[in-house]
């Protein structure tokens, strides 16, 4: 598939694809050079997936299976001022859906870092400092450098007015790590056990299992990329 076909799956991004004839090749991390320079989609795909830590894949059994079975290409590019890999998956219906994985060298430690499961911390530090689709904060794990609490993202850094209540976690202690592309926000908090994620919808908070919810979210995007 050509670059335009891949770019069409990521309308919100401006992508400069990097290949063996690209002047941007020097910006690509050394571990990604074989991906950028290879002429074969299968070689690019296999090399990229070999970089993923097994612990993170184990958290996402359904998506891990889909990633290995349906990823048809991985392309190196520059976007948002950063090197990134674009993972292109083909659905059962023949549609294409892509995720953007950012260079781990751009990692910046977010708030409440100890609330992230260990496998996710390894992934963000060593594999991709953000892995998202559709938008920069959805269907994956957002770039840590851009994460904020619900209070900060609502422009009320000291707390969302009217938020606090007996059954609620503080808006200043809920770190948004992703969304479903709509109103459902996925948050980590030091007030929850590691391995739990708070699903927040219009102020309602529902703690759930982190791995299961992230797996379901990624699969939602794969199964309905429209």
C-alpha atoms as a PDB file:
ATOM      1  CA  UNK A   1       0.000   0.000   0.000  1.00  0.00           C
ATOM      2  CA  UNK A   2       1.196   3.516  -0.661  1.00  0.00           C
ATOM      3  CA  UNK A   3       1.789   6.307   1.830  1.00  0.00           C
ATOM      4  CA  UNK A   4      -1.393   8.164   0.902  1.00  0.00           C
ATOM      5  CA  UNK A   5      -3.505   5.114   1.680  1.00  0.00           C
ATOM      6  CA  UNK A   6      -1.939   4.821   5.119  1.00  0.00           C
ATOM      7  CA  UNK A   7      -2.184   8.554   5.812  1.00  0.00           C
ATOM      8  CA  UNK A   8      -5.909   8.409   5.022  1.00  0.00           C
ATOM      9  CA  UNK A   9      -6.394   6.215   8.107  1.00  0.00           C
ATOM     10  CA  UNK A  10      -4.938   8.946  10.348  1.00  0.00           C
ATOM     11  CA  UNK A  11      -6.618  12.150   9.230  1.00  0.00           C
ATOM     12  CA  UNK A  12      -5.652  14.119  12.354  1.00  0.00           C
ATOM     13  CA  UNK A  13      -1.928  13.581  11.812  1.00  0.00           C
ATOM     14  CA  UNK A  14       0.487  15.141   9.361  1.00  0.00           C
ATOM     15  CA  UNK A  15       2.844  12.285   8.532  1.00  0.00           C
ATOM     16  CA  UNK A  16       6.247  12.441   6.843  1.00  0.00           C
ATOM     17  CA  UNK A  17       7.103   8.853   5.999  1.00  0.00           C
ATOM     18  CA  UNK A  18      10.755   7.875   6.255  1.00  0.00           C
ATOM     19  CA  UNK A  19      12.394   5.406   3.918  1.00  0.00           C
ATOM     20  CA  UNK A  20      15.802   4.636   2.481  1.00  0.00           C
ATOM     21  CA  UNK A  21      15.627   7.716   0.241  1.00  0.00           C
ATOM     22  CA  UNK A  22      14.404  10.076   2.935  1.00  0.00           C
ATOM     23  CA  UNK A  23      16.507  12.874   4.349  1.00  0.00           C
ATOM     24  CA  UNK A  24      14.768  12.310   7.708  1.00  0.00           C
ATOM     25  CA  UNK A  25      16.238   8.825   8.173  1.00  0.00           C
ATOM     26  CA  UNK A  26      18.899  10.107  10.582  1.00  0.00           C
ATOM     27  CA  UNK A  27      16.133  11.144  13.029  1.00  0.00           C
ATOM     28  CA  UNK A  28      14.825   7.600  13.358  1.00  0.00           C
ATOM     29  CA  UNK A  29      15.936   5.697  16.496  1.00  0.00           C
ATOM     30  CA  UNK A  30      18.614   3.109  15.823  1.00  0.00           C
ATOM     31  CA  UNK A  31      16.337   0.221  16.804  1.00  0.00           C
ATOM     32  CA  UNK A  32      13.838   1.416  14.192  1.00  0.00           C
ATOM     33  CA  UNK A  33      16.316   1.839  11.320  1.00  0.00           C
ATOM     34  CA  UNK A  34      15.627  -1.663   9.912  1.00  0.00           C
ATOM     35  CA  UNK A  35      11.936  -0.732   9.781  1.00  0.00           C
ATOM     36  CA  UNK A  36      12.599   2.551   8.000  1.00  0.00           C
ATOM     37  CA  UNK A  37      15.075   1.064   5.535  1.00  0.00           C
ATOM     38  CA  UNK A  38      13.402  -2.256   4.736  1.00  0.00           C
ATOM     39  CA  UNK A  39      11.572  -2.619   1.433  1.00  0.00           C
ATOM     40  CA  UNK A  40       9.389  -5.459   2.697  1.00  0.00           C
ATOM     41  CA  UNK A  41       6.202  -5.009   4.717  1.00  0.00           C
ATOM     42  CA  UNK A  42       6.573  -8.376   6.427  1.00  0.00           C
ATOM     43  CA  UNK A  43      10.109  -7.562   7.558  1.00  0.00           C
ATOM     44  CA  UNK A  44       8.961  -4.181   8.886  1.00  0.00           C
ATOM     45  CA  UNK A  45       6.040  -5.732  10.724  1.00  0.00           C
ATOM     46  CA  UNK A  46       8.103  -8.525  12.272  1.00  0.00           C
ATOM     47  CA  UNK A  47      10.870  -6.170  13.407  1.00  0.00           C
ATOM     48  CA  UNK A  48       8.456  -3.702  14.990  1.00  0.00           C
ATOM     49  CA  UNK A  49       6.479  -6.322  16.887  1.00  0.00           C
ATOM     50  CA  UNK A  50       9.676  -7.896  18.218  1.00  0.00           C
ATOM     51  CA  UNK A  51      10.283  -4.676  20.185  1.00  0.00           C
ATOM     52  CA  UNK A  52       7.123  -4.991  22.286  1.00  0.00           C
ATOM     53  CA  UNK A  53       7.550  -6.177  25.860  1.00  0.00           C
ATOM     54  CA  UNK A  54       5.716  -9.415  26.576  1.00  0.00           C
ATOM     55  CA  UNK A  55       4.248  -8.108  29.831  1.00  0.00           C
ATOM     56  CA  UNK A  56       2.314  -5.420  27.981  1.00  0.00           C
ATOM     57  CA  UNK A  57       1.047  -7.910  25.402  1.00  0.00           C
ATOM     58  CA  UNK A  58      -0.049 -10.208  28.224  1.00  0.00           C
ATOM     59  CA  UNK A  59      -2.282  -7.415  29.564  1.00  0.00           C
ATOM     60  CA  UNK A  60      -4.052  -7.252  26.194  1.00  0.00           C
ATOM     61  CA  UNK A  61      -4.588 -10.841  25.041  1.00  0.00           C
ATOM     62  CA  UNK A  62      -7.279 -10.124  22.429  1.00  0.00           C
ATOM     63  CA  UNK A  63      -5.533  -7.132  20.913  1.00  0.00           C
ATOM     64  CA  UNK A  64      -2.161  -8.897  21.029  1.00  0.00           C
ATOM     65  CA  UNK A  65      -3.628 -11.694  18.933  1.00  0.00           C
ATOM     66  CA  UNK A  66      -5.163  -9.218  16.492  1.00  0.00           C
ATOM     67  CA  UNK A  67      -1.930  -7.230  16.300  1.00  0.00           C
ATOM     68  CA  UNK A  68       0.053 -10.268  15.262  1.00  0.00           C
ATOM     69  CA  UNK A  69      -2.608 -11.670  12.922  1.00  0.00           C
ATOM     70  CA  UNK A  70      -3.888  -8.496  11.258  1.00  0.00           C
ATOM     71  CA  UNK A  71      -0.973  -6.055  11.190  1.00  0.00           C
ATOM     72  CA  UNK A  72      -0.119  -5.774   7.496  1.00  0.00           C
ATOM     73  CA  UNK A  73       2.587  -3.115   7.649  1.00  0.00           C
ATOM     74  CA  UNK A  74       4.533  -0.818   9.967  1.00  0.00           C
ATOM     75  CA  UNK A  75       5.977   2.414   8.632  1.00  0.00           C
ATOM     76  CA  UNK A  76       8.435   4.847  10.201  1.00  0.00           C
ATOM     77  CA  UNK A  77       7.521   8.508  10.045  1.00  0.00           C
ATOM     78  CA  UNK A  78       7.926  11.912  11.622  1.00  0.00           C
ATOM     79  CA  UNK A  79       4.818  13.443  13.184  1.00  0.00           C
ATOM     80  CA  UNK A  80       4.196  16.008  15.911  1.00  0.00           C
ATOM     81  CA  UNK A  81       7.924  16.745  15.801  1.00  0.00           C
ATOM     82  CA  UNK A  82       8.752  13.181  16.839  1.00  0.00           C
ATOM     83  CA  UNK A  83       9.753   9.924  15.182  1.00  0.00           C
ATOM     84  CA  UNK A  84       6.893   7.447  15.278  1.00  0.00           C
ATOM     85  CA  UNK A  85       5.826   4.094  13.919  1.00  0.00           C
ATOM     86  CA  UNK A  86       2.478   3.688  12.183  1.00  0.00           C
ATOM     87  CA  UNK A  87       0.951   0.234  12.640  1.00  0.00           C
ATOM     88  CA  UNK A  88      -1.533  -0.589   9.878  1.00  0.00           C
ATOM     89  CA  UNK A  89      -4.080  -3.323  10.602  1.00  0.00           C
ATOM     90  CA  UNK A  90      -6.602  -4.822   8.198  1.00  0.00           C
ATOM     91  CA  UNK A  91      -9.964  -5.724   9.732  1.00  0.00           C
ATOM     92  CA  UNK A  92     -12.047  -8.790   8.937  1.00  0.00           C
ATOM     93  CA  UNK A  93     -14.074  -6.604   6.550  1.00  0.00           C
ATOM     94  CA  UNK A  94     -10.986  -5.443   4.694  1.00  0.00           C
ATOM     95  CA  UNK A  95     -10.905  -1.945   6.198  1.00  0.00           C
ATOM     96  CA  UNK A  96      -7.632  -0.395   7.324  1.00  0.00           C
ATOM     97  CA  UNK A  97      -7.121   1.054  10.811  1.00  0.00           C
ATOM     98  CA  UNK A  98      -3.870   2.468  12.152  1.00  0.00           C
ATOM     99  CA  UNK A  99      -2.199   3.318  15.445  1.00  0.00           C
ATOM    100  CA  UNK A 100       0.644   5.775  16.031  1.00  0.00           C
ATOM    101  CA  UNK A 101       3.434   4.724  18.394  1.00  0.00           C
ATOM    102  CA  UNK A 102       5.786   7.529  19.465  1.00  0.00           C
ATOM    103  CA  UNK A 103       9.538   7.366  20.008  1.00  0.00           C
ATOM    104  CA  UNK A 104      10.264   6.236  23.600  1.00  0.00           C
ATOM    105  CA  UNK A 105      13.050   8.839  23.723  1.00  0.00           C
ATOM    106  CA  UNK A 106      10.290  11.479  23.972  1.00  0.00           C
ATOM    107  CA  UNK A 107       9.007   9.974  27.239  1.00  0.00           C
ATOM    108  CA  UNK A 108       8.374  12.400  30.090  1.00  0.00           C
ATOM    109  CA  UNK A 109       7.262  10.961  33.413  1.00  0.00           C
ATOM    110  CA  UNK A 110       3.625  11.881  34.072  1.00  0.00           C
ATOM    111  CA  UNK A 111       1.930  12.472  37.407  1.00  0.00           C
ATOM    112  CA  UNK A 112       1.138   9.435  39.553  1.00  0.00           C
ATOM    113  CA  UNK A 113       3.699   7.314  37.703  1.00  0.00           C
ATOM    114  CA  UNK A 114       3.618   4.672  40.421  1.00  0.00           C
ATOM    115  CA  UNK A 115      -0.063   4.090  39.625  1.00  0.00           C
ATOM    116  CA  UNK A 116       0.809   2.645  36.205  1.00  0.00           C
ATOM    117  CA  UNK A 117       1.145  -1.148  36.013  1.00  0.00           C
ATOM    118  CA  UNK A 118       4.776  -2.153  35.646  1.00  0.00           C
ATOM    119  CA  UNK A 119       4.288  -3.599  32.153  1.00  0.00           C
ATOM    120  CA  UNK A 120       2.789  -0.314  30.979  1.00  0.00           C
ATOM    121  CA  UNK A 121       5.698   1.646  32.433  1.00  0.00           C
ATOM    122  CA  UNK A 122       8.145  -0.570  30.539  1.00  0.00           C
ATOM    123  CA  UNK A 123       6.158  -0.106  27.332  1.00  0.00           C
ATOM    124  CA  UNK A 124       6.045   3.680  27.636  1.00  0.00           C
ATOM    125  CA  UNK A 125       9.722   3.987  28.506  1.00  0.00           C
ATOM    126  CA  UNK A 126      11.136   1.414  26.091  1.00  0.00           C
ATOM    127  CA  UNK A 127       8.672   0.713  23.264  1.00  0.00           C
ATOM    128  CA  UNK A 128       6.354   3.650  22.583  1.00  0.00           C
ATOM    129  CA  UNK A 129       5.867   6.847  24.582  1.00  0.00           C
ATOM    130  CA  UNK A 130       2.241   6.877  23.547  1.00  0.00           C
ATOM    131  CA  UNK A 131       0.261   4.503  21.325  1.00  0.00           C
ATOM    132  CA  UNK A 132      -3.035   5.910  20.036  1.00  0.00           C
ATOM    133  CA  UNK A 133      -5.520   5.900  17.187  1.00  0.00           C
ATOM    134  CA  UNK A 134      -8.218   8.226  15.820  1.00  0.00           C
ATOM    135  CA  UNK A 135      -6.953  11.097  17.983  1.00  0.00           C
ATOM    136  CA  UNK A 136      -3.950  11.824  20.154  1.00  0.00           C
ATOM    137  CA  UNK A 137      -5.723  10.818  23.358  1.00  0.00           C
ATOM    138  CA  UNK A 138      -7.840   7.844  22.347  1.00  0.00           C
ATOM    139  CA  UNK A 139      -7.884   4.087  21.789  1.00  0.00           C
ATOM    140  CA  UNK A 140      -4.568   3.294  23.455  1.00  0.00           C
ATOM    141  CA  UNK A 141      -2.304   5.066  25.928  1.00  0.00           C
ATOM    142  CA  UNK A 142      -1.736   8.769  25.271  1.00  0.00           C
ATOM    143  CA  UNK A 143       1.687  10.401  25.169  1.00  0.00           C
ATOM    144  CA  UNK A 144       2.775  10.781  28.814  1.00  0.00           C
ATOM    145  CA  UNK A 145       4.081  14.287  28.105  1.00  0.00           C
ATOM    146  CA  UNK A 146       0.534  15.362  27.264  1.00  0.00           C
ATOM    147  CA  UNK A 147      -1.300  13.632  30.085  1.00  0.00           C
ATOM    148  CA  UNK A 148      -3.063  15.686  32.724  1.00  0.00           C
ATOM    149  CA  UNK A 149      -5.528  15.288  35.537  1.00  0.00           C
ATOM    150  CA  UNK A 150      -9.203  15.779  34.837  1.00  0.00           C
ATOM    151  CA  UNK A 151      -8.921  19.042  36.760  1.00  0.00           C
ATOM    152  CA  UNK A 152      -6.046  20.302  34.604  1.00  0.00           C
ATOM    153  CA  UNK A 153      -7.673  19.237  31.347  1.00  0.00           C
ATOM    154  CA  UNK A 154     -10.855  21.042  32.396  1.00  0.00           C
ATOM    155  CA  UNK A 155      -8.861  24.247  33.086  1.00  0.00           C
ATOM    156  CA  UNK A 156      -9.603  24.010  36.807  1.00  0.00           C
ATOM    157  CA  UNK A 157      -6.201  22.864  38.153  1.00  0.00           C
ATOM    158  CA  UNK A 158      -7.335  23.217  41.771  1.00  0.00           C
ATOM    159  CA  UNK A 159     -10.361  20.992  41.202  1.00  0.00           C
ATOM    160  CA  UNK A 160     -13.445  20.899  38.996  1.00  0.00           C
ATOM    161  CA  UNK A 161     -16.200  22.967  40.660  1.00  0.00           C
ATOM    162  CA  UNK A 162     -18.969  20.804  42.078  1.00  0.00           C
ATOM    163  CA  UNK A 163     -16.963  17.635  41.512  1.00  0.00           C
ATOM    164  CA  UNK A 164     -16.126  16.577  45.038  1.00  0.00           C
ATOM    165  CA  UNK A 165     -18.496  14.236  46.809  1.00  0.00           C
ATOM    166  CA  UNK A 166     -18.474  11.351  49.242  1.00  0.00           C
ATOM    167  CA  UNK A 167     -18.356   8.727  46.493  1.00  0.00           C
ATOM    168  CA  UNK A 168     -15.944  10.472  44.136  1.00  0.00           C
ATOM    169  CA  UNK A 169     -12.216  10.491  43.670  1.00  0.00           C
ATOM    170  CA  UNK A 170     -10.791  13.990  43.484  1.00  0.00           C
ATOM    171  CA  UNK A 171     -10.559  15.462  39.985  1.00  0.00           C
ATOM    172  CA  UNK A 172      -7.003  16.525  40.905  1.00  0.00           C
ATOM    173  CA  UNK A 173      -6.047  12.886  41.524  1.00  0.00           C
ATOM    174  CA  UNK A 174      -7.482  11.323  38.364  1.00  0.00           C
ATOM    175  CA  UNK A 175      -4.924  11.232  35.553  1.00  0.00           C
ATOM    176  CA  UNK A 176      -6.511  10.813  32.134  1.00  0.00           C
ATOM    177  CA  UNK A 177      -4.520   8.315  30.092  1.00  0.00           C
ATOM    178  CA  UNK A 178      -6.933   7.708  27.209  1.00  0.00           C
ATOM    179  CA  UNK A 179     -10.522   8.025  25.996  1.00  0.00           C
ATOM    180  CA  UNK A 180     -12.943   6.164  23.763  1.00  0.00           C
ATOM    181  CA  UNK A 181     -12.923   9.089  21.362  1.00  0.00           C
ATOM    182  CA  UNK A 182     -16.012  10.471  23.077  1.00  0.00           C
ATOM    183  CA  UNK A 183     -17.049  11.250  26.636  1.00  0.00           C
ATOM    184  CA  UNK A 184     -15.661   8.139  28.340  1.00  0.00           C
ATOM    185  CA  UNK A 185     -12.330   8.855  30.030  1.00  0.00           C
ATOM    186  CA  UNK A 186      -9.892   6.293  31.417  1.00  0.00           C
ATOM    187  CA  UNK A 187      -7.983   7.493  34.480  1.00  0.00           C
ATOM    188  CA  UNK A 188      -5.348   6.251  36.890  1.00  0.00           C
ATOM    189  CA  UNK A 189      -5.151   7.487  40.459  1.00  0.00           C
ATOM    190  CA  UNK A 190      -2.959   6.991  43.511  1.00  0.00           C
ATOM    191  CA  UNK A 191      -6.237   6.402  45.349  1.00  0.00           C
ATOM    192  CA  UNK A 192      -6.833   3.207  43.372  1.00  0.00           C
ATOM    193  CA  UNK A 193      -4.874  -0.033  43.532  1.00  0.00           C
ATOM    194  CA  UNK A 194      -2.265  -0.516  40.821  1.00  0.00           C
ATOM    195  CA  UNK A 195      -3.952  -2.546  38.107  1.00  0.00           C
ATOM    196  CA  UNK A 196      -7.211  -0.627  38.391  1.00  0.00           C
ATOM    197  CA  UNK A 197      -8.447   2.103  36.056  1.00  0.00           C
ATOM    198  CA  UNK A 198     -11.296   4.519  36.710  1.00  0.00           C
ATOM    199  CA  UNK A 199     -13.811   4.804  33.910  1.00  0.00           C
ATOM    200  CA  UNK A 200     -15.221   8.310  34.166  1.00  0.00           C
ATOM    201  CA  UNK A 201     -18.373   9.259  32.295  1.00  0.00           C
ATOM    202  CA  UNK A 202     -19.970  12.636  32.955  1.00  0.00           C
ATOM    203  CA  UNK A 203     -18.758  12.549  36.548  1.00  0.00           C
ATOM    204  CA  UNK A 204     -19.677   8.935  37.287  1.00  0.00           C
ATOM    205  CA  UNK A 205     -16.639   6.869  38.311  1.00  0.00           C
ATOM    206  CA  UNK A 206     -16.398   3.103  37.888  1.00  0.00           C
ATOM    207  CA  UNK A 207     -13.128   1.363  38.892  1.00  0.00           C
ATOM    208  CA  UNK A 208     -12.322  -1.580  36.623  1.00  0.00           C
ATOM    209  CA  UNK A 209      -9.472  -3.944  35.757  1.00  0.00           C
ATOM    210  CA  UNK A 210      -6.867  -1.989  33.778  1.00  0.00           C
ATOM    211  CA  UNK A 211      -5.813  -4.702  31.361  1.00  0.00           C
ATOM    212  CA  UNK A 212      -9.310  -5.846  30.489  1.00  0.00           C
ATOM    213  CA  UNK A 213     -10.568  -2.321  29.879  1.00  0.00           C
ATOM    214  CA  UNK A 214      -7.602  -1.315  27.741  1.00  0.00           C
ATOM    215  CA  UNK A 215      -7.877  -4.533  25.751  1.00  0.00           C
ATOM    216  CA  UNK A 216     -11.588  -3.881  25.164  1.00  0.00           C
ATOM    217  CA  UNK A 217     -10.871  -0.288  24.119  1.00  0.00           C
ATOM    218  CA  UNK A 218      -8.261  -1.298  21.549  1.00  0.00           C
ATOM    219  CA  UNK A 219     -10.551  -3.995  20.201  1.00  0.00           C
ATOM    220  CA  UNK A 220     -13.389  -1.489  19.930  1.00  0.00           C
ATOM    221  CA  UNK A 221     -11.277   0.571  17.563  1.00  0.00           C
ATOM    222  CA  UNK A 222     -10.212  -2.459  15.541  1.00  0.00           C
ATOM    223  CA  UNK A 223     -13.764  -3.789  15.195  1.00  0.00           C
ATOM    224  CA  UNK A 224     -15.319  -0.405  14.368  1.00  0.00           C
ATOM    225  CA  UNK A 225     -12.733   1.915  12.785  1.00  0.00           C
ATOM    226  CA  UNK A 226     -15.318   4.156  11.113  1.00  0.00           C
END
